Amino acid sequence: MIRAALERSRKGIERRHGLTSPFNSSTWTGADAGGFECELLELVPDQRLVFRWGFVGPERTHGPTYDSLLTVTLREAPDGATLLTLVHERLDELAAAMPRVAESVGPGWQMVLDKLAALAAAVA
């Protein structure tokens, strides 16, 4: 499960979080896949968030960080809904170093977005 909290909405905030597999252990290299650190690079209220998303292995603070770019875009959709687009790119270094973790990025975000959609539907 990914647990992250962005405590303030301003450029330059950095956080480091642990990451454990939301899937079965055969998908990942083990129960402890390491963690991630993120830094808010850009904030356009009600439109766009851009993060530097750094994956770290099980060594956490002593190992390398594999930086990627995460962009979340929000747009108005019909009937007052919001269209959320999430693009996670620049994952080549992660794929070379930790291929099983890199392969799980897409399914992991899909799981997060599915939960977000369910929550939005429940409060609508």
PDB file of N, CA and C in Angstrom:
ATOM      1  N   MET A   1       0.837  -1.169   0.000  1.00  0.00           N
ATOM      2  CA  MET A   1       0.000   0.000   0.000  1.00  0.00           C
ATOM      3  C   MET A   1       0.886   1.236   0.000  1.00  0.00           C
ATOM      4  N   ILE A   2       0.553   2.201  -0.816  1.00  0.00           N
ATOM      5  CA  ILE A   2       1.285   3.462  -0.836  1.00  0.00           C
ATOM      6  C   ILE A   2       0.593   4.408   0.126  1.00  0.00           C
ATOM      7  N   ARG A   3       1.383   4.979   1.022  1.00  0.00           N
ATOM      8  CA  ARG A   3       0.832   5.962   1.943  1.00  0.00           C
ATOM      9  C   ARG A   3       1.645   7.228   1.817  1.00  0.00           C
ATOM     10  N   ALA A   4       1.002   8.274   1.394  1.00  0.00           N
ATOM     11  CA  ALA A   4       1.711   9.533   1.204  1.00  0.00           C
ATOM     12  C   ALA A   4       0.800  10.677   1.610  1.00  0.00           C
ATOM     13  N   ALA A   5       1.383  11.694   2.126  1.00  0.00           N
ATOM     14  CA  ALA A   5       0.616  12.879   2.477  1.00  0.00           C
ATOM     15  C   ALA A   5       1.369  14.104   2.008  1.00  0.00           C
ATOM     16  N   LEU A   6       0.734  14.914   1.240  1.00  0.00           N
ATOM     17  CA  LEU A   6       1.308  16.175   0.830  1.00  0.00           C
ATOM     18  C   LEU A   6       0.729  17.211   1.780  1.00  0.00           C
ATOM     19  N   GLU A   7       1.566  17.715   2.660  1.00  0.00           N
ATOM     20  CA  GLU A   7       1.078  18.548   3.753  1.00  0.00           C
ATOM     21  C   GLU A   7       0.845  19.996   3.355  1.00  0.00           C
ATOM     22  N   ARG A   8       1.533  20.458   2.350  1.00  0.00           N
ATOM     23  CA  ARG A   8       1.338  21.827   1.891  1.00  0.00           C
ATOM     24  C   ARG A   8       1.290  21.817   0.377  1.00  0.00           C
ATOM     25  N   SER A   9       0.646  22.807  -0.180  1.00  0.00           N
ATOM     26  CA  SER A   9       0.534  22.874  -1.633  1.00  0.00           C
ATOM     27  C   SER A   9       1.412  23.995  -2.170  1.00  0.00           C
ATOM     28  N   ARG A  10       2.719  23.784  -2.127  1.00  0.00           N
ATOM     29  CA  ARG A  10       3.611  24.757  -2.719  1.00  0.00           C
ATOM     30  C   ARG A  10       4.837  24.065  -3.299  1.00  0.00           C
ATOM     31  N   LYS A  11       5.423  24.694  -4.290  1.00  0.00           N
ATOM     32  CA  LYS A  11       6.569  24.127  -4.997  1.00  0.00           C
ATOM     33  C   LYS A  11       7.726  23.877  -4.031  1.00  0.00           C
ATOM     34  N   GLY A  12       8.418  22.754  -4.237  1.00  0.00           N
ATOM     35  CA  GLY A  12       9.621  22.474  -3.483  1.00  0.00           C
ATOM     36  C   GLY A  12       9.426  21.575  -2.281  1.00  0.00           C
ATOM     37  N   ILE A  13       8.226  21.151  -1.985  1.00  0.00           N
ATOM     38  CA  ILE A  13       7.994  20.264  -0.846  1.00  0.00           C
ATOM     39  C   ILE A  13       8.561  18.893  -1.172  1.00  0.00           C
ATOM     40  N   GLU A  14       9.279  18.319  -0.240  1.00  0.00           N
ATOM     41  CA  GLU A  14       9.824  16.985  -0.444  1.00  0.00           C
ATOM     42  C   GLU A  14       9.338  16.065   0.653  1.00  0.00           C
ATOM     43  N   ARG A  15       9.057  14.828   0.308  1.00  0.00           N
ATOM     44  CA  ARG A  15       8.633  13.812   1.268  1.00  0.00           C
ATOM     45  C   ARG A  15       9.269  12.489   0.876  1.00  0.00           C
ATOM     46  N   ARG A  16       9.544  11.653   1.863  1.00  0.00           N
ATOM     47  CA  ARG A  16      10.041  10.293   1.614  1.00  0.00           C
ATOM     48  C   ARG A  16       9.061   9.341   2.278  1.00  0.00           C
ATOM     49  N   HIS A  17       8.687   8.290   1.557  1.00  0.00           N
ATOM     50  CA  HIS A  17       7.674   7.366   2.033  1.00  0.00           C
ATOM     51  C   HIS A  17       8.100   5.932   1.782  1.00  0.00           C
ATOM     52  N   GLY A  18       7.654   5.039   2.635  1.00  0.00           N
ATOM     53  CA  GLY A  18       7.890   3.616   2.429  1.00  0.00           C
ATOM     54  C   GLY A  18       6.908   3.061   1.422  1.00  0.00           C
ATOM     55  N   LEU A  19       7.279   1.972   0.810  1.00  0.00           N
ATOM     56  CA  LEU A  19       6.444   1.361  -0.209  1.00  0.00           C
ATOM     57  C   LEU A  19       6.472  -0.138   0.004  1.00  0.00           C
ATOM     58  N   THR A  20       5.304  -0.717   0.191  1.00  0.00           N
ATOM     59  CA  THR A  20       5.211  -2.169   0.259  1.00  0.00           C
ATOM     60  C   THR A  20       4.299  -2.631  -0.859  1.00  0.00           C
ATOM     61  N   SER A  21       4.462  -3.840  -1.263  1.00  0.00           N
ATOM     62  CA  SER A  21       3.765  -4.338  -2.436  1.00  0.00           C
ATOM     63  C   SER A  21       2.257  -4.416  -2.220  1.00  0.00           C
ATOM     64  N   PRO A  22       1.465  -3.789  -3.119  1.00  0.00           N
ATOM     65  CA  PRO A  22       0.014  -3.951  -3.064  1.00  0.00           C
ATOM     66  C   PRO A  22      -0.411  -5.239  -3.756  1.00  0.00           C
ATOM     67  N   PHE A  23       0.526  -5.937  -4.360  1.00  0.00           N
ATOM     68  CA  PHE A  23       0.261  -7.155  -5.099  1.00  0.00           C
ATOM     69  C   PHE A  23       0.881  -8.324  -4.349  1.00  0.00           C
ATOM     70  N   ASN A  24       0.793  -9.499  -4.904  1.00  0.00           N
ATOM     71  CA  ASN A  24       1.421 -10.636  -4.241  1.00  0.00           C
ATOM     72  C   ASN A  24       2.935 -10.542  -4.371  1.00  0.00           C
ATOM     73  N   SER A  25       3.655 -11.215  -3.499  1.00  0.00           N
ATOM     74  CA  SER A  25       5.104 -11.055  -3.441  1.00  0.00           C
ATOM     75  C   SER A  25       5.805 -11.542  -4.703  1.00  0.00           C
ATOM     76  N   SER A  26       5.162 -12.367  -5.507  1.00  0.00           N
ATOM     77  CA  SER A  26       5.820 -12.809  -6.738  1.00  0.00           C
ATOM     78  C   SER A  26       5.895 -11.679  -7.760  1.00  0.00           C
ATOM     79  N   THR A  27       5.069 -10.658  -7.607  1.00  0.00           N
ATOM     80  CA  THR A  27       5.100  -9.528  -8.525  1.00  0.00           C
ATOM     81  C   THR A  27       6.309  -8.648  -8.260  1.00  0.00           C
ATOM     82  N   TRP A  28       6.698  -8.531  -6.996  1.00  0.00           N
ATOM     83  CA  TRP A  28       7.785  -7.660  -6.593  1.00  0.00           C
ATOM     84  C   TRP A  28       8.963  -8.521  -6.160  1.00  0.00           C
ATOM     85  N   THR A  29      10.051  -7.875  -5.845  1.00  0.00           N
ATOM     86  CA  THR A  29      11.241  -8.610  -5.428  1.00  0.00           C
ATOM     87  C   THR A  29      11.147  -9.051  -3.976  1.00  0.00           C
ATOM     88  N   GLY A  30      10.099  -8.687  -3.292  1.00  0.00           N
ATOM     89  CA  GLY A  30       9.890  -9.050  -1.897  1.00  0.00           C
ATOM     90  C   GLY A  30       8.836  -8.154  -1.304  1.00  0.00           C
ATOM     91  N   ALA A  31       8.523  -8.372  -0.039  1.00  0.00           N
ATOM     92  CA  ALA A  31       7.476  -7.582   0.608  1.00  0.00           C
ATOM     93  C   ALA A  31       7.879  -6.118   0.729  1.00  0.00           C
ATOM     94  N   ASP A  32       9.171  -5.841   0.893  1.00  0.00           N
ATOM     95  CA  ASP A  32       9.637  -4.467   1.022  1.00  0.00           C
ATOM     96  C   ASP A  32      10.284  -4.049  -0.283  1.00  0.00           C
ATOM     97  N   ALA A  33       9.568  -3.284  -1.070  1.00  0.00           N
ATOM     98  CA  ALA A  33      10.075  -2.858  -2.373  1.00  0.00           C
ATOM     99  C   ALA A  33      10.911  -1.604  -2.249  1.00  0.00           C
ATOM    100  N   GLY A  34      11.025  -1.066  -1.059  1.00  0.00           N
ATOM    101  CA  GLY A  34      11.789   0.159  -0.871  1.00  0.00           C
ATOM    102  C   GLY A  34      10.861   1.296  -0.534  1.00  0.00           C
ATOM    103  N   GLY A  35      10.955   2.359  -1.269  1.00  0.00           N
ATOM    104  CA  GLY A  35      10.117   3.513  -0.984  1.00  0.00           C
ATOM    105  C   GLY A  35      10.228   4.505  -2.117  1.00  0.00           C
ATOM    106  N   PHE A  36       9.744   5.689  -1.871  1.00  0.00           N
ATOM    107  CA  PHE A  36       9.856   6.740  -2.857  1.00  0.00           C
ATOM    108  C   PHE A  36       9.975   8.062  -2.133  1.00  0.00           C
ATOM    109  N   GLU A  37      10.567   8.989  -2.824  1.00  0.00           N
ATOM    110  CA  GLU A  37      10.572  10.359  -2.347  1.00  0.00           C
ATOM    111  C   GLU A  37       9.978  11.197  -3.455  1.00  0.00           C
ATOM    112  N   CYS A  38       9.263  12.218  -3.072  1.00  0.00           N
ATOM    113  CA  CYS A  38       8.656  13.055  -4.099  1.00  0.00           C
ATOM    114  C   CYS A  38       8.888  14.517  -3.759  1.00  0.00           C
ATOM    115  N   GLU A  39       8.966  15.295  -4.805  1.00  0.00           N
ATOM    116  CA  GLU A  39       9.133  16.734  -4.672  1.00  0.00           C
ATOM    117  C   GLU A  39       8.154  17.400  -5.618  1.00  0.00           C
ATOM    118  N   LEU A  40       7.369  18.304  -5.103  1.00  0.00           N
ATOM    119  CA  LEU A  40       6.433  19.042  -5.931  1.00  0.00           C
ATOM    120  C   LEU A  40       7.212  20.065  -6.747  1.00  0.00           C
ATOM    121  N   LEU A  41       7.189  19.905  -8.073  1.00  0.00           N
ATOM    122  CA  LEU A  41       7.929  20.799  -8.961  1.00  0.00           C
ATOM    123  C   LEU A  41       7.072  21.919  -9.516  1.00  0.00           C
ATOM    124  N   GLU A  42       5.794  21.621  -9.722  1.00  0.00           N
ATOM    125  CA  GLU A  42       4.900  22.605 -10.320  1.00  0.00           C
ATOM    126  C   GLU A  42       3.503  22.421  -9.760  1.00  0.00           C
ATOM    127  N   LEU A  43       2.847  23.531  -9.479  1.00  0.00           N
ATOM    128  CA  LEU A  43       1.467  23.510  -9.011  1.00  0.00           C
ATOM    129  C   LEU A  43       0.707  24.621  -9.717  1.00  0.00           C
ATOM    130  N   VAL A  44      -0.286  24.221 -10.491  1.00  0.00           N
ATOM    131  CA  VAL A  44      -1.213  25.156 -11.099  1.00  0.00           C
ATOM    132  C   VAL A  44      -2.564  24.801 -10.490  1.00  0.00           C
ATOM    133  N   PRO A  45      -3.050  25.600  -9.525  1.00  0.00           N
ATOM    134  CA  PRO A  45      -4.275  25.233  -8.811  1.00  0.00           C
ATOM    135  C   PRO A  45      -5.411  24.846  -9.753  1.00  0.00           C
ATOM    136  N   ASP A  46      -6.067  23.749  -9.406  1.00  0.00           N
ATOM    137  CA  ASP A  46      -7.213  23.220 -10.142  1.00  0.00           C
ATOM    138  C   ASP A  46      -6.878  22.743 -11.555  1.00  0.00           C
ATOM    139  N   GLN A  47      -5.580  22.629 -11.903  1.00  0.00           N
ATOM    140  CA  GLN A  47      -5.225  22.222 -13.263  1.00  0.00           C
ATOM    141  C   GLN A  47      -4.125  21.166 -13.336  1.00  0.00           C
ATOM    142  N   ARG A  48      -3.028  21.363 -12.582  1.00  0.00           N
ATOM    143  CA  ARG A  48      -1.863  20.522 -12.838  1.00  0.00           C
ATOM    144  C   ARG A  48      -0.954  20.432 -11.619  1.00  0.00           C
ATOM    145  N   LEU A  49      -0.443  19.218 -11.377  1.00  0.00           N
ATOM    146  CA  LEU A  49       0.590  18.951 -10.375  1.00  0.00           C
ATOM    147  C   LEU A  49       1.700  18.181 -11.078  1.00  0.00           C
ATOM    148  N   VAL A  50       2.937  18.588 -10.859  1.00  0.00           N
ATOM    149  CA  VAL A  50       4.077  17.869 -11.428  1.00  0.00           C
ATOM    150  C   VAL A  50       5.032  17.551 -10.292  1.00  0.00           C
ATOM    151  N   PHE A  51       5.415  16.271 -10.192  1.00  0.00           N
ATOM    152  CA  PHE A  51       6.311  15.815  -9.134  1.00  0.00           C
ATOM    153  C   PHE A  51       7.569  15.188  -9.716  1.00  0.00           C
ATOM    154  N   ARG A  52       8.691  15.394  -9.037  1.00  0.00           N
ATOM    155  CA  ARG A  52       9.845  14.522  -9.219  1.00  0.00           C
ATOM    156  C   ARG A  52       9.562  13.345  -8.306  1.00  0.00           C
ATOM    157  N   TRP A  53       9.526  12.160  -8.875  1.00  0.00           N
ATOM    158  CA  TRP A  53       9.160  10.954  -8.137  1.00  0.00           C
ATOM    159  C   TRP A  53      10.373  10.047  -8.139  1.00  0.00           C
ATOM    160  N   GLY A  54      11.033   9.923  -7.003  1.00  0.00           N
ATOM    161  CA  GLY A  54      12.256   9.135  -6.918  1.00  0.00           C
ATOM    162  C   GLY A  54      12.028   7.816  -6.216  1.00  0.00           C
ATOM    163  N   PHE A  55      12.194   6.725  -6.941  1.00  0.00           N
ATOM    164  CA  PHE A  55      12.088   5.398  -6.337  1.00  0.00           C
ATOM    165  C   PHE A  55      13.400   5.068  -5.647  1.00  0.00           C
ATOM    166  N   VAL A  56      13.304   4.520  -4.456  1.00  0.00           N
ATOM    167  CA  VAL A  56      14.493   4.051  -3.739  1.00  0.00           C
ATOM    168  C   VAL A  56      14.290   2.581  -3.427  1.00  0.00           C
ATOM    169  N   GLY A  57      15.366   1.832  -3.424  1.00  0.00           N
ATOM    170  CA  GLY A  57      15.281   0.413  -3.122  1.00  0.00           C
ATOM    171  C   GLY A  57      15.159   0.175  -1.630  1.00  0.00           C
ATOM    172  N   PRO A  58      15.231  -1.089  -1.207  1.00  0.00           N
ATOM    173  CA  PRO A  58      15.095  -1.436   0.213  1.00  0.00           C
ATOM    174  C   PRO A  58      16.119  -0.760   1.113  1.00  0.00           C
ATOM    175  N   GLU A  59      17.231  -0.272   0.536  1.00  0.00           N
ATOM    176  CA  GLU A  59      18.241   0.403   1.355  1.00  0.00           C
ATOM    177  C   GLU A  59      17.769   1.767   1.843  1.00  0.00           C
ATOM    178  N   ARG A  60      16.705   2.285   1.243  1.00  0.00           N
ATOM    179  CA  ARG A  60      16.123   3.587   1.569  1.00  0.00           C
ATOM    180  C   ARG A  60      17.131   4.730   1.443  1.00  0.00           C
ATOM    181  N   THR A  61      17.702   5.195   2.525  1.00  0.00           N
ATOM    182  CA  THR A  61      18.539   6.389   2.501  1.00  0.00           C
ATOM    183  C   THR A  61      19.954   6.135   2.011  1.00  0.00           C
ATOM    184  N   HIS A  62      20.394   4.889   1.970  1.00  0.00           N
ATOM    185  CA  HIS A  62      21.779   4.606   1.603  1.00  0.00           C
ATOM    186  C   HIS A  62      21.942   4.185   0.154  1.00  0.00           C
ATOM    187  N   GLY A  63      20.881   3.873  -0.522  1.00  0.00           N
ATOM    188  CA  GLY A  63      20.972   3.405  -1.900  1.00  0.00           C
ATOM    189  C   GLY A  63      20.690   4.514  -2.888  1.00  0.00           C
ATOM    190  N   PRO A  64      20.748   4.181  -4.165  1.00  0.00           N
ATOM    191  CA  PRO A  64      20.475   5.181  -5.207  1.00  0.00           C
ATOM    192  C   PRO A  64      18.984   5.513  -5.287  1.00  0.00           C
ATOM    193  N   THR A  65      18.695   6.652  -5.883  1.00  0.00           N
ATOM    194  CA  THR A  65      17.326   7.078  -6.159  1.00  0.00           C
ATOM    195  C   THR A  65      17.148   7.111  -7.673  1.00  0.00           C
ATOM    196  N   TYR A  66      16.068   6.516  -8.146  1.00  0.00           N
ATOM    197  CA  TYR A  66      15.776   6.467  -9.575  1.00  0.00           C
ATOM    198  C   TYR A  66      14.652   7.461  -9.860  1.00  0.00           C
ATOM    199  N   ASP A  67      15.032   8.629 -10.328  1.00  0.00           N
ATOM    200  CA  ASP A  67      14.071   9.705 -10.535  1.00  0.00           C
ATOM    201  C   ASP A  67      13.205   9.472 -11.761  1.00  0.00           C
ATOM    202  N   SER A  68      11.954   9.882 -11.628  1.00  0.00           N
ATOM    203  CA  SER A  68      10.994   9.859 -12.721  1.00  0.00           C
ATOM    204  C   SER A  68      10.144  11.115 -12.611  1.00  0.00           C
ATOM    205  N   LEU A  69       9.218  11.271 -13.519  1.00  0.00           N
ATOM    206  CA  LEU A  69       8.368  12.457 -13.538  1.00  0.00           C
ATOM    207  C   LEU A  69       6.910  12.021 -13.513  1.00  0.00           C
ATOM    208  N   LEU A  70       6.162  12.563 -12.571  1.00  0.00           N
ATOM    209  CA  LEU A  70       4.743  12.251 -12.420  1.00  0.00           C
ATOM    210  C   LEU A  70       3.953  13.532 -12.632  1.00  0.00           C
ATOM    211  N   THR A  71       3.038  13.496 -13.600  1.00  0.00           N
ATOM    212  CA  THR A  71       2.216  14.661 -13.899  1.00  0.00           C
ATOM    213  C   THR A  71       0.747  14.279 -13.749  1.00  0.00           C
ATOM    214  N   VAL A  72       0.022  15.070 -12.965  1.00  0.00           N
ATOM    215  CA  VAL A  72      -1.414  14.889 -12.774  1.00  0.00           C
ATOM    216  C   VAL A  72      -2.088  16.139 -13.325  1.00  0.00           C
ATOM    217  N   THR A  73      -2.972  15.931 -14.297  1.00  0.00           N
ATOM    218  CA  THR A  73      -3.680  17.039 -14.930  1.00  0.00           C
ATOM    219  C   THR A  73      -5.171  16.893 -14.649  1.00  0.00           C
ATOM    220  N   LEU A  74      -5.809  17.993 -14.311  1.00  0.00           N
ATOM    221  CA  LEU A  74      -7.248  18.027 -14.037  1.00  0.00           C
ATOM    222  C   LEU A  74      -7.921  18.927 -15.073  1.00  0.00           C
ATOM    223  N   ARG A  75      -9.032  18.422 -15.642  1.00  0.00           N
ATOM    224  CA  ARG A  75      -9.810  19.212 -16.600  1.00  0.00           C
ATOM    225  C   ARG A  75     -11.290  19.041 -16.309  1.00  0.00           C
ATOM    226  N   GLU A  76     -12.035  20.081 -16.621  1.00  0.00           N
ATOM    227  CA  GLU A  76     -13.486  19.970 -16.474  1.00  0.00           C
ATOM    228  C   GLU A  76     -14.019  18.988 -17.497  1.00  0.00           C
ATOM    229  N   ALA A  77     -14.961  18.195 -17.062  1.00  0.00           N
ATOM    230  CA  ALA A  77     -15.642  17.244 -17.931  1.00  0.00           C
ATOM    231  C   ALA A  77     -17.135  17.582 -17.899  1.00  0.00           C
ATOM    232  N   PRO A  78     -17.917  16.978 -18.789  1.00  0.00           N
ATOM    233  CA  PRO A  78     -19.363  17.264 -18.806  1.00  0.00           C
ATOM    234  C   PRO A  78     -20.022  17.002 -17.446  1.00  0.00           C
ATOM    235  N   ASP A  79     -21.104  17.696 -17.204  1.00  0.00           N
ATOM    236  CA  ASP A  79     -21.929  17.529 -16.009  1.00  0.00           C
ATOM    237  C   ASP A  79     -21.190  17.841 -14.716  1.00  0.00           C
ATOM    238  N   GLY A  80     -20.196  18.735 -14.775  1.00  0.00           N
ATOM    239  CA  GLY A  80     -19.501  19.150 -13.564  1.00  0.00           C
ATOM    240  C   GLY A  80     -18.482  18.152 -13.042  1.00  0.00           C
ATOM    241  N   ALA A  81     -18.208  17.117 -13.789  1.00  0.00           N
ATOM    242  CA  ALA A  81     -17.215  16.125 -13.378  1.00  0.00           C
ATOM    243  C   ALA A  81     -15.811  16.664 -13.659  1.00  0.00           C
ATOM    244  N   THR A  82     -14.816  15.967 -13.150  1.00  0.00           N
ATOM    245  CA  THR A  82     -13.414  16.317 -13.386  1.00  0.00           C
ATOM    246  C   THR A  82     -12.707  15.133 -14.014  1.00  0.00           C
ATOM    247  N   LEU A  83     -11.987  15.386 -15.084  1.00  0.00           N
ATOM    248  CA  LEU A  83     -11.179  14.365 -15.738  1.00  0.00           C
ATOM    249  C   LEU A  83      -9.766  14.459 -15.175  1.00  0.00           C
ATOM    250  N   LEU A  84      -9.284  13.386 -14.586  1.00  0.00           N
ATOM    251  CA  LEU A  84      -7.940  13.326 -14.035  1.00  0.00           C
ATOM    252  C   LEU A  84      -7.081  12.470 -14.966  1.00  0.00           C
ATOM    253  N   THR A  85      -5.970  13.030 -15.417  1.00  0.00           N
ATOM    254  CA  THR A  85      -5.021  12.294 -16.252  1.00  0.00           C
ATOM    255  C   THR A  85      -3.715  12.201 -15.485  1.00  0.00           C
ATOM    256  N   LEU A  86      -3.202  10.985 -15.339  1.00  0.00           N
ATOM    257  CA  LEU A  86      -1.957  10.744 -14.633  1.00  0.00           C
ATOM    258  C   LEU A  86      -0.956  10.156 -15.621  1.00  0.00           C
ATOM    259  N   VAL A  87       0.191  10.803 -15.745  1.00  0.00           N
ATOM    260  CA  VAL A  87       1.254  10.320 -16.626  1.00  0.00           C
ATOM    261  C   VAL A  87       2.515  10.169 -15.785  1.00  0.00           C
ATOM    262  N   HIS A  88       3.040   8.942 -15.735  1.00  0.00           N
ATOM    263  CA  HIS A  88       4.279   8.667 -15.001  1.00  0.00           C
ATOM    264  C   HIS A  88       5.311   8.247 -16.041  1.00  0.00           C
ATOM    265  N   GLU A  89       6.339   9.073 -16.221  1.00  0.00           N
ATOM    266  CA  GLU A  89       7.305   8.849 -17.291  1.00  0.00           C
ATOM    267  C   GLU A  89       8.736   8.919 -16.774  1.00  0.00           C
ATOM    268  N   ARG A  90       9.665   8.698 -17.683  1.00  0.00           N
ATOM    269  CA  ARG A  90      11.099   8.676 -17.381  1.00  0.00           C
ATOM    270  C   ARG A  90      11.430   7.564 -16.381  1.00  0.00           C
ATOM    271  N   LEU A  91      10.939   6.380 -16.675  1.00  0.00           N
ATOM    272  CA  LEU A  91      11.125   5.218 -15.798  1.00  0.00           C
ATOM    273  C   LEU A  91      12.239   4.283 -16.273  1.00  0.00           C
ATOM    274  N   ASP A  92      13.040   4.709 -17.246  1.00  0.00           N
ATOM    275  CA  ASP A  92      14.065   3.837 -17.827  1.00  0.00           C
ATOM    276  C   ASP A  92      15.102   3.370 -16.807  1.00  0.00           C
ATOM    277  N   GLU A  93      15.617   4.287 -15.983  1.00  0.00           N
ATOM    278  CA  GLU A  93      16.624   3.899 -14.989  1.00  0.00           C
ATOM    279  C   GLU A  93      16.049   2.919 -13.979  1.00  0.00           C
ATOM    280  N   LEU A  94      14.823   3.155 -13.551  1.00  0.00           N
ATOM    281  CA  LEU A  94      14.168   2.240 -12.621  1.00  0.00           C
ATOM    282  C   LEU A  94      13.997   0.869 -13.266  1.00  0.00           C
ATOM    283  N   ALA A  95      13.583   0.841 -14.517  1.00  0.00           N
ATOM    284  CA  ALA A  95      13.374  -0.434 -15.211  1.00  0.00           C
ATOM    285  C   ALA A  95      14.669  -1.228 -15.321  1.00  0.00           C
ATOM    286  N   ALA A  96      15.781  -0.543 -15.526  1.00  0.00           N
ATOM    287  CA  ALA A  96      17.063  -1.231 -15.628  1.00  0.00           C
ATOM    288  C   ALA A  96      17.514  -1.762 -14.265  1.00  0.00           C
ATOM    289  N   ALA A  97      17.264  -1.007 -13.204  1.00  0.00           N
ATOM    290  CA  ALA A  97      17.744  -1.376 -11.875  1.00  0.00           C
ATOM    291  C   ALA A  97      16.792  -2.298 -11.117  1.00  0.00           C
ATOM    292  N   MET A  98      15.498  -2.045 -11.233  1.00  0.00           N
ATOM    293  CA  MET A  98      14.497  -2.789 -10.470  1.00  0.00           C
ATOM    294  C   MET A  98      13.320  -3.108 -11.391  1.00  0.00           C
ATOM    295  N   PRO A  99      13.505  -4.040 -12.344  1.00  0.00           N
ATOM    296  CA  PRO A  99      12.475  -4.272 -13.365  1.00  0.00           C
ATOM    297  C   PRO A  99      11.116  -4.667 -12.815  1.00  0.00           C
ATOM    298  N   ARG A 100      11.077  -5.462 -11.763  1.00  0.00           N
ATOM    299  CA  ARG A 100       9.762  -5.877 -11.231  1.00  0.00           C
ATOM    300  C   ARG A 100       9.010  -4.694 -10.631  1.00  0.00           C
ATOM    301  N   VAL A 101       9.730  -3.809  -9.986  1.00  0.00           N
ATOM    302  CA  VAL A 101       9.082  -2.609  -9.451  1.00  0.00           C
ATOM    303  C   VAL A 101       8.581  -1.745 -10.604  1.00  0.00           C
ATOM    304  N   ALA A 102       9.416  -1.545 -11.623  1.00  0.00           N
ATOM    305  CA  ALA A 102       9.011  -0.734 -12.784  1.00  0.00           C
ATOM    306  C   ALA A 102       7.781  -1.315 -13.468  1.00  0.00           C
ATOM    307  N   GLU A 103       7.713  -2.643 -13.584  1.00  0.00           N
ATOM    308  CA  GLU A 103       6.558  -3.286 -14.211  1.00  0.00           C
ATOM    309  C   GLU A 103       5.281  -3.088 -13.396  1.00  0.00           C
ATOM    310  N   SER A 104       5.419  -2.827 -12.121  1.00  0.00           N
ATOM    311  CA  SER A 104       4.262  -2.668 -11.240  1.00  0.00           C
ATOM    312  C   SER A 104       3.763  -1.231 -11.136  1.00  0.00           C
ATOM    313  N   VAL A 105       4.488  -0.290 -11.732  1.00  0.00           N
ATOM    314  CA  VAL A 105       4.093   1.116 -11.634  1.00  0.00           C
ATOM    315  C   VAL A 105       2.712   1.337 -12.248  1.00  0.00           C
ATOM    316  N   GLY A 106       2.494   0.886 -13.471  1.00  0.00           N
ATOM    317  CA  GLY A 106       1.190   1.070 -14.132  1.00  0.00           C
ATOM    318  C   GLY A 106       0.047   0.428 -13.366  1.00  0.00           C
ATOM    319  N   PRO A 107       0.162  -0.871 -13.018  1.00  0.00           N
ATOM    320  CA  PRO A 107      -0.902  -1.501 -12.237  1.00  0.00           C
ATOM    321  C   PRO A 107      -1.103  -0.847 -10.861  1.00  0.00           C
ATOM    322  N   GLY A 108      -0.017  -0.370 -10.277  1.00  0.00           N
ATOM    323  CA  GLY A 108      -0.143   0.300  -8.977  1.00  0.00           C
ATOM    324  C   GLY A 108      -0.950   1.582  -9.078  1.00  0.00           C
ATOM    325  N   TRP A 109      -0.633   2.401 -10.087  1.00  0.00           N
ATOM    326  CA  TRP A 109      -1.403   3.629 -10.271  1.00  0.00           C
ATOM    327  C   TRP A 109      -2.849   3.319 -10.646  1.00  0.00           C
ATOM    328  N   GLN A 110      -3.075   2.271 -11.427  1.00  0.00           N
ATOM    329  CA  GLN A 110      -4.451   1.897 -11.779  1.00  0.00           C
ATOM    330  C   GLN A 110      -5.242   1.566 -10.525  1.00  0.00           C
ATOM    331  N   MET A 111      -4.620   0.848  -9.590  1.00  0.00           N
ATOM    332  CA  MET A 111      -5.280   0.511  -8.336  1.00  0.00           C
ATOM    333  C   MET A 111      -5.613   1.783  -7.543  1.00  0.00           C
ATOM    334  N   VAL A 112      -4.666   2.718  -7.484  1.00  0.00           N
ATOM    335  CA  VAL A 112      -4.891   3.976  -6.763  1.00  0.00           C
ATOM    336  C   VAL A 112      -6.025   4.765  -7.409  1.00  0.00           C
ATOM    337  N   LEU A 113      -6.017   4.852  -8.732  1.00  0.00           N
ATOM    338  CA  LEU A 113      -7.068   5.607  -9.427  1.00  0.00           C
ATOM    339  C   LEU A 113      -8.432   4.943  -9.294  1.00  0.00           C
ATOM    340  N   ASP A 114      -8.471   3.613  -9.303  1.00  0.00           N
ATOM    341  CA  ASP A 114      -9.734   2.905  -9.086  1.00  0.00           C
ATOM    342  C   ASP A 114     -10.301   3.221  -7.703  1.00  0.00           C
ATOM    343  N   LYS A 115      -9.437   3.246  -6.700  1.00  0.00           N
ATOM    344  CA  LYS A 115      -9.888   3.575  -5.338  1.00  0.00           C
ATOM    345  C   LYS A 115     -10.368   5.024  -5.261  1.00  0.00           C
ATOM    346  N   LEU A 116      -9.659   5.917  -5.930  1.00  0.00           N
ATOM    347  CA  LEU A 116     -10.075   7.323  -5.955  1.00  0.00           C
ATOM    348  C   LEU A 116     -11.426   7.484  -6.631  1.00  0.00           C
ATOM    349  N   ALA A 117     -11.643   6.768  -7.739  1.00  0.00           N
ATOM    350  CA  ALA A 117     -12.929   6.837  -8.454  1.00  0.00           C
ATOM    351  C   ALA A 117     -14.054   6.302  -7.577  1.00  0.00           C
ATOM    352  N   ALA A 118     -13.787   5.209  -6.873  1.00  0.00           N
ATOM    353  CA  ALA A 118     -14.811   4.649  -5.986  1.00  0.00           C
ATOM    354  C   ALA A 118     -15.145   5.622  -4.859  1.00  0.00           C
ATOM    355  N   LEU A 119     -14.138   6.263  -4.319  1.00  0.00           N
ATOM    356  CA  LEU A 119     -14.377   7.228  -3.244  1.00  0.00           C
ATOM    357  C   LEU A 119     -15.179   8.422  -3.762  1.00  0.00           C
ATOM    358  N   ALA A 120     -14.808   8.923  -4.943  1.00  0.00           N
ATOM    359  CA  ALA A 120     -15.537  10.045  -5.535  1.00  0.00           C
ATOM    360  C   ALA A 120     -16.993   9.671  -5.797  1.00  0.00           C
ATOM    361  N   ALA A 121     -17.229   8.459  -6.280  1.00  0.00           N
ATOM    362  CA  ALA A 121     -18.603   8.013  -6.551  1.00  0.00           C
ATOM    363  C   ALA A 121     -19.400   7.894  -5.259  1.00  0.00           C
ATOM    364  N   ALA A 122     -18.738   7.474  -4.185  1.00  0.00           N
ATOM    365  CA  ALA A 122     -19.433   7.292  -2.912  1.00  0.00           C
ATOM    366  C   ALA A 122     -19.872   8.620  -2.293  1.00  0.00           C
ATOM    367  N   VAL A 123     -19.111   9.685  -2.536  1.00  0.00           N
ATOM    368  CA  VAL A 123     -19.471  10.969  -1.937  1.00  0.00           C
ATOM    369  C   VAL A 123     -20.277  11.850  -2.879  1.00  0.00           C
ATOM    370  N   ALA A 124     -20.441  11.423  -4.131  1.00  0.00           N
ATOM    371  CA  ALA A 124     -21.186  12.223  -5.108  1.00  0.00           C
ATOM    372  C   ALA A 124     -22.677  12.137  -4.875  1.00  0.00           C
TER     373      ALA A 124
END
